[in-house]
Amino acid sequence: MPIVVNLRKANSVRLMSLLVLMIVFIVACAPTPTPTEAETAVTVDLVMDSASLIVGETNLLVSVVDAEGKPVEGATVNVIGNMNHAGMVPVVVENITALTDGNYVVPFEWTMGGDWFVDVAVTLPSGEKLEKTFEGITISTEEGMGEMSEMNHSEMGHNMDSPVSAAYMQLVNNGQTERVLIGAKIEGVGVVEIHEMVMENDVMKMNPIGGQALTIPVGETITLQPGGLHIMLMAVEKSFATGETAQMELLFADETSVSIELPISDEAPAEASEFESDGLTIQTPWMRPVTVQATGEMEMSDGAHATPTAEASS
């Protein structure tokens, strides 16, 4: 009798083990969920009317529709607006999830007149990511003046269609007298000017600073950065590629000069660098990359212009 009981227990254990193995096998062999056909044939478009193509706040409509033309709900939309022009701070809007009248409404601001491109990144409910770049968007001011004329370059005496870039840094005056930066030289650059970004009548403009003289008072720091003061590099005659360096000579009103090394990068270098001259410290200088094509055309990186990794399909 005790032997029979032990056999029953052994059979129960074997049966339970077999059931567990069968469950594991079924789960392991189950098909991996895949996006629906609608999700694999999604079209992403940017919808704008003429009234929204002026400097100021507006709403961009991002259309995300499936193969049947129906709006895709539950997506997340990120938008980055930028210009092919140095000194520009990208306009970034993230995590738009609300669907209104079949479109994702993105509150946006065109900060200055000129030619823009907009990168739209969409994450579908399945996790699939789509990115698309919309180029050739020309923004005018409320007065109807558009493109580069709004940036007051008409008096510069050169062609603004030529390649451009910009250099940035911090100028720290620890000396006994003020220093006045009046210009700079860099091999391969035809025109170098000190520019500033200013808001005038609710319109962002970029102008050369008065007299091309930037004063660094004793004990103060002047920061040259995207969206503010910067050294504008125009009529660029050769390419400056990311990862390379360029030599720049800063010129001062007291007839002194300082030679500095500029890392070429889409953003400020993580590693700080310094150059000293008579109590003046130049900290973390850098320059945006620019490519000069054989035909005279130019491609300039502003950091936010991403190449789509998955083209939206129709």
C-alpha atoms as a PDB file:
ATOM      1  CA  MET A   1       0.000   0.000   0.000  1.00  0.00           C
ATOM      2  CA  PRO A   2       2.708   2.632   0.767  1.00  0.00           C
ATOM      3  CA  ILE A   3       4.327   1.750  -2.598  1.00  0.00           C
ATOM      4  CA  VAL A   4       1.114   2.620  -4.490  1.00  0.00           C
ATOM      5  CA  VAL A   5       0.944   6.026  -2.828  1.00  0.00           C
ATOM      6  CA  ASN A   6       4.508   6.867  -3.857  1.00  0.00           C
ATOM      7  CA  LEU A   7       3.784   5.906  -7.464  1.00  0.00           C
ATOM      8  CA  ARG A   8       0.749   8.208  -7.548  1.00  0.00           C
ATOM      9  CA  LYS A   9       2.841  11.086  -6.244  1.00  0.00           C
ATOM     10  CA  ALA A  10       5.538  10.405  -8.823  1.00  0.00           C
ATOM     11  CA  ASN A  11       2.968  10.362 -11.635  1.00  0.00           C
ATOM     12  CA  SER A  12       1.519  13.672 -10.424  1.00  0.00           C
ATOM     13  CA  VAL A  13       4.950  15.284 -10.449  1.00  0.00           C
ATOM     14  CA  ARG A  14       5.635  14.012 -13.975  1.00  0.00           C
ATOM     15  CA  LEU A  15       2.267  15.313 -15.176  1.00  0.00           C
ATOM     16  CA  MET A  16       2.853  18.780 -13.702  1.00  0.00           C
ATOM     17  CA  SER A  17       6.334  18.921 -15.225  1.00  0.00           C
ATOM     18  CA  LEU A  18       4.927  17.976 -18.619  1.00  0.00           C
ATOM     19  CA  LEU A  19       2.253  20.681 -18.400  1.00  0.00           C
ATOM     20  CA  VAL A  20       4.851  23.329 -17.518  1.00  0.00           C
ATOM     21  CA  LEU A  21       7.027  22.292 -20.469  1.00  0.00           C
ATOM     22  CA  MET A  22       4.038  22.468 -22.814  1.00  0.00           C
ATOM     23  CA  ILE A  23       3.148  25.986 -21.627  1.00  0.00           C
ATOM     24  CA  VAL A  24       6.732  27.183 -22.072  1.00  0.00           C
ATOM     25  CA  PHE A  25       6.837  25.660 -25.575  1.00  0.00           C
ATOM     26  CA  ILE A  26       3.568  27.332 -26.590  1.00  0.00           C
ATOM     27  CA  VAL A  27       4.673  30.762 -25.337  1.00  0.00           C
ATOM     28  CA  ALA A  28       8.068  30.472 -27.002  1.00  0.00           C
ATOM     29  CA  CYS A  29       6.546  29.482 -30.329  1.00  0.00           C
ATOM     30  CA  ALA A  30       3.842  32.149 -30.315  1.00  0.00           C
ATOM     31  CA  PRO A  31       4.229  34.601 -33.229  1.00  0.00           C
ATOM     32  CA  THR A  32       5.838  37.981 -32.400  1.00  0.00           C
ATOM     33  CA  PRO A  33       3.285  40.822 -32.645  1.00  0.00           C
ATOM     34  CA  THR A  34       3.853  42.868 -35.776  1.00  0.00           C
ATOM     35  CA  PRO A  35       2.525  46.293 -36.776  1.00  0.00           C
ATOM     36  CA  THR A  36      -0.756  46.221 -38.589  1.00  0.00           C
ATOM     37  CA  GLU A  37      -0.853  46.904 -42.343  1.00  0.00           C
ATOM     38  CA  ALA A  38      -2.201  50.372 -41.590  1.00  0.00           C
ATOM     39  CA  GLU A  39       0.793  51.130 -39.388  1.00  0.00           C
ATOM     40  CA  THR A  40       3.297  49.979 -42.017  1.00  0.00           C
ATOM     41  CA  ALA A  41       1.799  52.260 -44.679  1.00  0.00           C
ATOM     42  CA  VAL A  42       1.587  55.533 -42.787  1.00  0.00           C
ATOM     43  CA  THR A  43       1.927  58.916 -44.469  1.00  0.00           C
ATOM     44  CA  VAL A  44       3.304  61.917 -42.565  1.00  0.00           C
ATOM     45  CA  ASP A  45       2.613  65.416 -43.919  1.00  0.00           C
ATOM     46  CA  LEU A  46       3.014  68.982 -42.695  1.00  0.00           C
ATOM     47  CA  VAL A  47      -0.057  71.142 -43.311  1.00  0.00           C
ATOM     48  CA  MET A  48       0.281  74.948 -43.458  1.00  0.00           C
ATOM     49  CA  ASP A  49      -1.637  77.801 -45.018  1.00  0.00           C
ATOM     50  CA  SER A  50      -0.306  81.138 -46.252  1.00  0.00           C
ATOM     51  CA  ALA A  51      -1.529  82.918 -43.109  1.00  0.00           C
ATOM     52  CA  SER A  52       0.853  80.845 -40.985  1.00  0.00           C
ATOM     53  CA  LEU A  53       3.953  81.679 -43.051  1.00  0.00           C
ATOM     54  CA  ILE A  54       4.849  84.913 -41.256  1.00  0.00           C
ATOM     55  CA  VAL A  55       7.136  85.650 -38.323  1.00  0.00           C
ATOM     56  CA  GLY A  56       5.443  84.937 -35.004  1.00  0.00           C
ATOM     57  CA  GLU A  57       3.435  82.275 -33.227  1.00  0.00           C
ATOM     58  CA  THR A  58       1.333  79.827 -35.195  1.00  0.00           C
ATOM     59  CA  ASN A  59       0.083  76.240 -35.212  1.00  0.00           C
ATOM     60  CA  LEU A  60       1.605  73.601 -37.471  1.00  0.00           C
ATOM     61  CA  LEU A  61      -0.660  70.706 -38.390  1.00  0.00           C
ATOM     62  CA  VAL A  62       1.024  67.321 -38.667  1.00  0.00           C
ATOM     63  CA  SER A  63      -1.111  64.811 -40.580  1.00  0.00           C
ATOM     64  CA  VAL A  64      -0.487  61.136 -39.755  1.00  0.00           C
ATOM     65  CA  VAL A  65      -2.784  58.869 -41.755  1.00  0.00           C
ATOM     66  CA  ASP A  66      -2.894  55.157 -42.553  1.00  0.00           C
ATOM     67  CA  ALA A  67      -3.212  53.445 -45.925  1.00  0.00           C
ATOM     68  CA  GLU A  68      -6.977  54.089 -45.921  1.00  0.00           C
ATOM     69  CA  GLY A  69      -6.499  57.801 -45.248  1.00  0.00           C
ATOM     70  CA  LYS A  70      -7.718  57.553 -41.659  1.00  0.00           C
ATOM     71  CA  PRO A  71      -5.927  59.521 -38.897  1.00  0.00           C
ATOM     72  CA  VAL A  72      -3.569  57.432 -36.761  1.00  0.00           C
ATOM     73  CA  GLU A  73      -4.434  57.887 -33.097  1.00  0.00           C
ATOM     74  CA  GLY A  74      -2.020  57.428 -30.209  1.00  0.00           C
ATOM     75  CA  ALA A  75       1.094  58.670 -32.005  1.00  0.00           C
ATOM     76  CA  THR A  76       3.710  61.022 -30.504  1.00  0.00           C
ATOM     77  CA  VAL A  77       4.969  63.919 -32.636  1.00  0.00           C
ATOM     78  CA  ASN A  78       8.226  65.894 -32.237  1.00  0.00           C
ATOM     79  CA  VAL A  79       9.081  68.899 -34.419  1.00  0.00           C
ATOM     80  CA  ILE A  80      12.354  70.806 -34.938  1.00  0.00           C
ATOM     81  CA  GLY A  81      12.428  73.982 -37.050  1.00  0.00           C
ATOM     82  CA  ASN A  82      15.688  75.444 -38.297  1.00  0.00           C
ATOM     83  CA  MET A  83      17.278  77.646 -40.959  1.00  0.00           C
ATOM     84  CA  ASN A  84      20.264  77.125 -43.244  1.00  0.00           C
ATOM     85  CA  HIS A  85      21.952  80.059 -41.562  1.00  0.00           C
ATOM     86  CA  ALA A  86      24.500  80.331 -38.775  1.00  0.00           C
ATOM     87  CA  GLY A  87      23.552  81.942 -35.464  1.00  0.00           C
ATOM     88  CA  MET A  88      20.094  80.408 -35.518  1.00  0.00           C
ATOM     89  CA  VAL A  89      18.654  78.713 -32.420  1.00  0.00           C
ATOM     90  CA  PRO A  90      16.413  75.790 -33.454  1.00  0.00           C
ATOM     91  CA  VAL A  91      12.738  75.865 -32.471  1.00  0.00           C
ATOM     92  CA  VAL A  92      11.910  72.570 -30.750  1.00  0.00           C
ATOM     93  CA  VAL A  93       8.451  71.247 -29.834  1.00  0.00           C
ATOM     94  CA  GLU A  94       8.205  67.767 -28.310  1.00  0.00           C
ATOM     95  CA  ASN A  95       5.695  65.157 -27.150  1.00  0.00           C
ATOM     96  CA  ILE A  96       2.573  66.284 -29.009  1.00  0.00           C
ATOM     97  CA  THR A  97       0.002  63.513 -28.558  1.00  0.00           C
ATOM     98  CA  ALA A  98      -3.412  65.208 -28.850  1.00  0.00           C
ATOM     99  CA  LEU A  99      -5.304  64.632 -32.099  1.00  0.00           C
ATOM    100  CA  THR A 100      -7.608  67.492 -33.176  1.00  0.00           C
ATOM    101  CA  ASP A 101      -9.796  67.237 -36.278  1.00  0.00           C
ATOM    102  CA  GLY A 102      -7.557  64.506 -37.649  1.00  0.00           C
ATOM    103  CA  ASN A 103      -4.272  66.396 -37.144  1.00  0.00           C
ATOM    104  CA  TYR A 104      -1.661  66.744 -34.435  1.00  0.00           C
ATOM    105  CA  VAL A 105      -1.600  70.465 -33.594  1.00  0.00           C
ATOM    106  CA  VAL A 106       1.930  71.718 -32.866  1.00  0.00           C
ATOM    107  CA  PRO A 107       2.229  75.194 -31.263  1.00  0.00           C
ATOM    108  CA  PHE A 108       5.190  76.767 -33.040  1.00  0.00           C
ATOM    109  CA  GLU A 109       6.985  80.105 -33.507  1.00  0.00           C
ATOM    110  CA  TRP A 110       8.778  81.332 -36.601  1.00  0.00           C
ATOM    111  CA  THR A 111      11.448  83.484 -34.939  1.00  0.00           C
ATOM    112  CA  MET A 112      12.716  85.297 -38.051  1.00  0.00           C
ATOM    113  CA  GLY A 113      12.098  85.745 -41.736  1.00  0.00           C
ATOM    114  CA  GLY A 114      13.953  83.556 -44.204  1.00  0.00           C
ATOM    115  CA  ASP A 115      14.144  80.022 -45.558  1.00  0.00           C
ATOM    116  CA  TRP A 116      13.357  77.273 -43.057  1.00  0.00           C
ATOM    117  CA  PHE A 117      13.284  73.490 -42.946  1.00  0.00           C
ATOM    118  CA  VAL A 118      11.215  71.455 -40.478  1.00  0.00           C
ATOM    119  CA  ASP A 119      12.075  67.957 -39.231  1.00  0.00           C
ATOM    120  CA  VAL A 120       9.049  65.929 -38.088  1.00  0.00           C
ATOM    121  CA  ALA A 121       9.562  62.730 -36.062  1.00  0.00           C
ATOM    122  CA  VAL A 122       6.549  60.494 -35.384  1.00  0.00           C
ATOM    123  CA  THR A 123       6.439  57.497 -33.042  1.00  0.00           C
ATOM    124  CA  LEU A 124       3.498  55.223 -33.908  1.00  0.00           C
ATOM    125  CA  PRO A 125       1.552  53.264 -31.268  1.00  0.00           C
ATOM    126  CA  SER A 126       3.470  50.142 -32.347  1.00  0.00           C
ATOM    127  CA  GLY A 127       6.760  51.852 -31.496  1.00  0.00           C
ATOM    128  CA  GLU A 128       7.724  52.260 -35.143  1.00  0.00           C
ATOM    129  CA  LYS A 129       9.451  55.596 -35.814  1.00  0.00           C
ATOM    130  CA  LEU A 130       9.055  57.728 -38.921  1.00  0.00           C
ATOM    131  CA  GLU A 131      11.018  60.893 -39.728  1.00  0.00           C
ATOM    132  CA  LYS A 132      10.491  63.334 -42.556  1.00  0.00           C
ATOM    133  CA  THR A 133      12.105  66.662 -43.478  1.00  0.00           C
ATOM    134  CA  PHE A 134      10.100  69.479 -45.086  1.00  0.00           C
ATOM    135  CA  GLU A 135      12.295  72.039 -46.858  1.00  0.00           C
ATOM    136  CA  GLY A 136      11.842  75.223 -48.835  1.00  0.00           C
ATOM    137  CA  ILE A 137       9.565  76.955 -46.304  1.00  0.00           C
ATOM    138  CA  THR A 138       9.899  80.730 -46.737  1.00  0.00           C
ATOM    139  CA  ILE A 139       8.789  82.868 -43.796  1.00  0.00           C
ATOM    140  CA  SER A 140       8.003  86.562 -44.200  1.00  0.00           C
ATOM    141  CA  THR A 141       7.565  89.321 -41.656  1.00  0.00           C
ATOM    142  CA  GLU A 142       4.165  90.866 -40.974  1.00  0.00           C
ATOM    143  CA  GLU A 143       5.169  93.780 -43.185  1.00  0.00           C
ATOM    144  CA  GLY A 144       5.604  91.393 -46.099  1.00  0.00           C
ATOM    145  CA  MET A 145       9.416  91.522 -46.165  1.00  0.00           C
ATOM    146  CA  GLY A 146      10.883  88.069 -46.372  1.00  0.00           C
ATOM    147  CA  GLU A 147      13.993  85.996 -46.652  1.00  0.00           C
ATOM    148  CA  MET A 148      17.444  87.402 -45.870  1.00  0.00           C
ATOM    149  CA  SER A 149      16.487  91.038 -46.437  1.00  0.00           C
ATOM    150  CA  GLU A 150      14.998  91.019 -42.949  1.00  0.00           C
ATOM    151  CA  MET A 151      18.453  90.292 -41.561  1.00  0.00           C
ATOM    152  CA  ASN A 152      19.805  93.658 -42.746  1.00  0.00           C
ATOM    153  CA  HIS A 153      22.625  92.264 -44.875  1.00  0.00           C
ATOM    154  CA  SER A 154      21.937  94.637 -47.769  1.00  0.00           C
ATOM    155  CA  GLU A 155      24.767  96.998 -46.740  1.00  0.00           C
ATOM    156  CA  MET A 156      27.430  94.329 -46.435  1.00  0.00           C
ATOM    157  CA  GLY A 157      28.639  94.554 -50.026  1.00  0.00           C
ATOM    158  CA  HIS A 158      28.743  90.809 -50.652  1.00  0.00           C
ATOM    159  CA  ASN A 159      26.505  87.998 -51.829  1.00  0.00           C
ATOM    160  CA  MET A 160      24.594  86.327 -48.975  1.00  0.00           C
ATOM    161  CA  ASP A 161      24.048  83.285 -51.219  1.00  0.00           C
ATOM    162  CA  SER A 162      27.706  82.398 -50.652  1.00  0.00           C
ATOM    163  CA  PRO A 163      28.619  79.877 -47.912  1.00  0.00           C
ATOM    164  CA  VAL A 164      28.372  81.097 -44.318  1.00  0.00           C
ATOM    165  CA  SER A 165      29.261  79.833 -40.852  1.00  0.00           C
ATOM    166  CA  ALA A 166      29.765  81.282 -37.369  1.00  0.00           C
ATOM    167  CA  ALA A 167      32.209  81.152 -34.477  1.00  0.00           C
ATOM    168  CA  TYR A 168      31.426  81.277 -30.755  1.00  0.00           C
ATOM    169  CA  MET A 169      33.384  81.658 -27.504  1.00  0.00           C
ATOM    170  CA  GLN A 170      33.550  83.390 -24.118  1.00  0.00           C
ATOM    171  CA  LEU A 171      35.738  86.466 -23.608  1.00  0.00           C
ATOM    172  CA  VAL A 172      36.801  86.973 -19.966  1.00  0.00           C
ATOM    173  CA  ASN A 173      38.601  90.195 -19.044  1.00  0.00           C
ATOM    174  CA  ASN A 174      40.710  89.712 -15.924  1.00  0.00           C
ATOM    175  CA  GLY A 175      43.099  92.502 -16.871  1.00  0.00           C
ATOM    176  CA  GLN A 176      43.418  96.118 -15.769  1.00  0.00           C
ATOM    177  CA  THR A 177      41.939  97.770 -18.877  1.00  0.00           C
ATOM    178  CA  GLU A 178      38.960  97.131 -21.079  1.00  0.00           C
ATOM    179  CA  ARG A 179      39.519  95.282 -24.339  1.00  0.00           C
ATOM    180  CA  VAL A 180      37.690  96.006 -27.584  1.00  0.00           C
ATOM    181  CA  LEU A 181      37.313  93.277 -30.210  1.00  0.00           C
ATOM    182  CA  ILE A 182      37.120  94.883 -33.666  1.00  0.00           C
ATOM    183  CA  GLY A 183      37.369  91.884 -35.980  1.00  0.00           C
ATOM    184  CA  ALA A 184      38.961  88.567 -36.828  1.00  0.00           C
ATOM    185  CA  LYS A 185      40.785  86.764 -39.601  1.00  0.00           C
ATOM    186  CA  ILE A 186      40.542  83.141 -40.686  1.00  0.00           C
ATOM    187  CA  GLU A 187      42.109  81.583 -43.747  1.00  0.00           C
ATOM    188  CA  GLY A 188      39.539  80.631 -46.364  1.00  0.00           C
ATOM    189  CA  VAL A 189      36.894  83.116 -45.167  1.00  0.00           C
ATOM    190  CA  GLY A 190      36.323  86.252 -47.226  1.00  0.00           C
ATOM    191  CA  VAL A 191      34.211  88.338 -44.812  1.00  0.00           C
ATOM    192  CA  VAL A 192      34.270  88.277 -40.983  1.00  0.00           C
ATOM    193  CA  GLU A 193      31.871  90.443 -38.928  1.00  0.00           C
ATOM    194  CA  ILE A 194      30.568  90.616 -35.368  1.00  0.00           C
ATOM    195  CA  HIS A 195      26.795  90.132 -35.323  1.00  0.00           C
ATOM    196  CA  GLU A 196      24.025  90.191 -32.738  1.00  0.00           C
ATOM    197  CA  MET A 197      20.503  88.787 -32.613  1.00  0.00           C
ATOM    198  CA  VAL A 198      17.947  91.333 -31.382  1.00  0.00           C
ATOM    199  CA  MET A 199      14.165  91.435 -31.040  1.00  0.00           C
ATOM    200  CA  GLU A 200      12.613  94.434 -32.785  1.00  0.00           C
ATOM    201  CA  ASN A 201       8.821  94.892 -32.897  1.00  0.00           C
ATOM    202  CA  ASP A 202       8.324  91.217 -32.007  1.00  0.00           C
ATOM    203  CA  VAL A 203      10.579  90.173 -34.901  1.00  0.00           C
ATOM    204  CA  MET A 204      13.969  88.525 -34.364  1.00  0.00           C
ATOM    205  CA  LYS A 205      16.660  90.199 -36.481  1.00  0.00           C
ATOM    206  CA  MET A 206      20.361  89.675 -36.988  1.00  0.00           C
ATOM    207  CA  ASN A 207      22.469  92.816 -37.405  1.00  0.00           C
ATOM    208  CA  PRO A 208      26.177  93.686 -37.477  1.00  0.00           C
ATOM    209  CA  ILE A 209      27.017  95.453 -34.213  1.00  0.00           C
ATOM    210  CA  GLY A 210      27.580  99.191 -34.403  1.00  0.00           C
ATOM    211  CA  GLY A 211      31.083 100.180 -35.447  1.00  0.00           C
ATOM    212  CA  GLN A 212      32.157  96.534 -35.398  1.00  0.00           C
ATOM    213  CA  ALA A 213      33.520  97.107 -31.894  1.00  0.00           C
ATOM    214  CA  LEU A 214      32.714  94.700 -29.063  1.00  0.00           C
ATOM    215  CA  THR A 215      33.838  96.013 -25.649  1.00  0.00           C
ATOM    216  CA  ILE A 216      34.836  93.578 -22.888  1.00  0.00           C
ATOM    217  CA  PRO A 217      34.850  95.623 -19.642  1.00  0.00           C
ATOM    218  CA  VAL A 218      37.293  94.870 -16.843  1.00  0.00           C
ATOM    219  CA  GLY A 219      36.098  91.991 -14.666  1.00  0.00           C
ATOM    220  CA  GLU A 220      33.295  90.979 -17.043  1.00  0.00           C
ATOM    221  CA  THR A 221      32.578  88.099 -19.409  1.00  0.00           C
ATOM    222  CA  ILE A 222      31.100  88.478 -22.896  1.00  0.00           C
ATOM    223  CA  THR A 223      29.542  85.330 -24.333  1.00  0.00           C
ATOM    224  CA  LEU A 224      29.304  84.684 -28.067  1.00  0.00           C
ATOM    225  CA  GLN A 225      26.744  81.947 -28.636  1.00  0.00           C
ATOM    226  CA  PRO A 226      24.019  80.733 -31.049  1.00  0.00           C
ATOM    227  CA  GLY A 227      21.027  83.054 -30.875  1.00  0.00           C
ATOM    228  CA  GLY A 228      23.073  85.960 -29.499  1.00  0.00           C
ATOM    229  CA  LEU A 229      26.358  87.672 -30.204  1.00  0.00           C
ATOM    230  CA  HIS A 230      28.540  85.704 -32.625  1.00  0.00           C
ATOM    231  CA  ILE A 231      31.315  86.107 -35.171  1.00  0.00           C
ATOM    232  CA  MET A 232      29.723  85.742 -38.608  1.00  0.00           C
ATOM    233  CA  LEU A 233      31.874  84.045 -41.270  1.00  0.00           C
ATOM    234  CA  MET A 234      30.720  84.850 -44.809  1.00  0.00           C
ATOM    235  CA  ALA A 235      31.967  84.245 -48.350  1.00  0.00           C
ATOM    236  CA  VAL A 236      33.563  81.020 -47.137  1.00  0.00           C
ATOM    237  CA  GLU A 237      35.879  79.699 -49.827  1.00  0.00           C
ATOM    238  CA  LYS A 238      36.796  76.276 -48.457  1.00  0.00           C
ATOM    239  CA  SER A 239      35.143  73.513 -46.464  1.00  0.00           C
ATOM    240  CA  PHE A 240      35.462  73.193 -42.686  1.00  0.00           C
ATOM    241  CA  ALA A 241      34.477  69.664 -41.622  1.00  0.00           C
ATOM    242  CA  THR A 242      33.336  68.349 -38.246  1.00  0.00           C
ATOM    243  CA  GLY A 243      36.276  67.050 -36.231  1.00  0.00           C
ATOM    244  CA  GLU A 244      38.796  69.384 -37.841  1.00  0.00           C
ATOM    245  CA  THR A 245      40.177  72.622 -36.407  1.00  0.00           C
ATOM    246  CA  ALA A 246      40.706  76.105 -37.837  1.00  0.00           C
ATOM    247  CA  GLN A 247      43.039  78.907 -36.821  1.00  0.00           C
ATOM    248  CA  MET A 248      41.497  82.316 -36.116  1.00  0.00           C
ATOM    249  CA  GLU A 249      43.225  85.587 -35.281  1.00  0.00           C
ATOM    250  CA  LEU A 250      41.189  87.932 -33.069  1.00  0.00           C
ATOM    251  CA  LEU A 251      41.920  91.632 -33.654  1.00  0.00           C
ATOM    252  CA  PHE A 252      41.674  94.287 -30.905  1.00  0.00           C
ATOM    253  CA  ALA A 253      41.463  98.084 -30.931  1.00  0.00           C
ATOM    254  CA  ASP A 254      44.810  98.435 -29.126  1.00  0.00           C
ATOM    255  CA  GLU A 255      46.465  96.846 -32.196  1.00  0.00           C
ATOM    256  CA  THR A 256      47.055  93.546 -30.413  1.00  0.00           C
ATOM    257  CA  SER A 257      45.855  90.185 -31.652  1.00  0.00           C
ATOM    258  CA  VAL A 258      45.308  86.684 -30.263  1.00  0.00           C
ATOM    259  CA  SER A 259      45.578  83.461 -32.270  1.00  0.00           C
ATOM    260  CA  ILE A 260      43.138  80.749 -31.208  1.00  0.00           C
ATOM    261  CA  GLU A 261      42.236  77.269 -32.389  1.00  0.00           C
ATOM    262  CA  LEU A 262      38.591  76.594 -33.294  1.00  0.00           C
ATOM    263  CA  PRO A 263      37.261  73.026 -33.128  1.00  0.00           C
ATOM    264  CA  ILE A 264      34.724  72.452 -35.930  1.00  0.00           C
ATOM    265  CA  SER A 265      31.518  71.091 -34.417  1.00  0.00           C
ATOM    266  CA  ASP A 266      27.723  71.234 -34.540  1.00  0.00           C
ATOM    267  CA  GLU A 267      27.693  72.274 -30.874  1.00  0.00           C
ATOM    268  CA  ALA A 268      29.958  73.619 -28.160  1.00  0.00           C
ATOM    269  CA  PRO A 269      32.758  71.140 -27.350  1.00  0.00           C
ATOM    270  CA  ALA A 270      32.411  69.148 -24.151  1.00  0.00           C
ATOM    271  CA  GLU A 271      36.085  69.709 -23.345  1.00  0.00           C
ATOM    272  CA  ALA A 272      36.864  73.315 -22.431  1.00  0.00           C
ATOM    273  CA  SER A 273      39.884  75.080 -23.932  1.00  0.00           C
ATOM    274  CA  GLU A 274      41.464  78.431 -23.048  1.00  0.00           C
ATOM    275  CA  PHE A 275      43.742  80.991 -24.660  1.00  0.00           C
ATOM    276  CA  GLU A 276      45.375  83.821 -22.666  1.00  0.00           C
ATOM    277  CA  SER A 277      46.545  87.296 -23.743  1.00  0.00           C
ATOM    278  CA  ASP A 278      47.289  90.267 -21.462  1.00  0.00           C
ATOM    279  CA  GLY A 279      44.607  89.420 -18.909  1.00  0.00           C
ATOM    280  CA  LEU A 280      42.060  88.370 -21.527  1.00  0.00           C
ATOM    281  CA  THR A 281      40.958  84.731 -21.526  1.00  0.00           C
ATOM    282  CA  ILE A 282      39.210  83.199 -24.541  1.00  0.00           C
ATOM    283  CA  GLN A 283      37.276  80.147 -23.358  1.00  0.00           C
ATOM    284  CA  THR A 284      35.839  77.207 -25.358  1.00  0.00           C
ATOM    285  CA  PRO A 285      35.923  78.672 -28.865  1.00  0.00           C
ATOM    286  CA  TRP A 286      34.278  76.660 -31.662  1.00  0.00           C
ATOM    287  CA  MET A 287      32.962  77.020 -35.195  1.00  0.00           C
ATOM    288  CA  ARG A 288      30.106  75.462 -37.133  1.00  0.00           C
ATOM    289  CA  PRO A 289      31.010  73.149 -40.040  1.00  0.00           C
ATOM    290  CA  VAL A 290      30.407  74.300 -43.605  1.00  0.00           C
ATOM    291  CA  THR A 291      30.825  72.469 -46.910  1.00  0.00           C
ATOM    292  CA  VAL A 292      31.726  74.350 -50.066  1.00  0.00           C
ATOM    293  CA  GLN A 293      30.644  72.480 -53.181  1.00  0.00           C
ATOM    294  CA  ALA A 294      32.502  72.659 -56.467  1.00  0.00           C
ATOM    295  CA  THR A 295      29.543  74.492 -57.988  1.00  0.00           C
ATOM    296  CA  GLY A 296      29.657  77.119 -55.248  1.00  0.00           C
ATOM    297  CA  GLU A 297      26.674  75.664 -53.405  1.00  0.00           C
ATOM    298  CA  MET A 298      26.848  75.209 -49.659  1.00  0.00           C
ATOM    299  CA  GLU A 299      25.627  72.822 -46.993  1.00  0.00           C
ATOM    300  CA  MET A 300      25.892  73.968 -43.391  1.00  0.00           C
ATOM    301  CA  SER A 301      25.093  71.929 -40.310  1.00  0.00           C
ATOM    302  CA  ASP A 302      23.001  73.531 -37.568  1.00  0.00           C
ATOM    303  CA  GLY A 303      22.857  70.481 -35.318  1.00  0.00           C
ATOM    304  CA  ALA A 304      19.174  69.884 -35.650  1.00  0.00           C
ATOM    305  CA  HIS A 305      18.833  68.958 -39.293  1.00  0.00           C
ATOM    306  CA  ALA A 306      18.539  65.206 -38.998  1.00  0.00           C
ATOM    307  CA  THR A 307      18.655  62.866 -41.977  1.00  0.00           C
ATOM    308  CA  PRO A 308      15.509  60.709 -41.894  1.00  0.00           C
ATOM    309  CA  THR A 309      16.227  57.121 -40.835  1.00  0.00           C
ATOM    310  CA  ALA A 310      12.828  55.801 -41.966  1.00  0.00           C
ATOM    311  CA  GLU A 311      11.092  57.517 -44.811  1.00  0.00           C
ATOM    312  CA  ALA A 312       7.349  57.915 -44.392  1.00  0.00           C
ATOM    313  CA  SER A 313       5.601  55.829 -47.020  1.00  0.00           C
ATOM    314  CA  SER A 314       2.382  56.439 -48.881  1.00  0.00           C
END
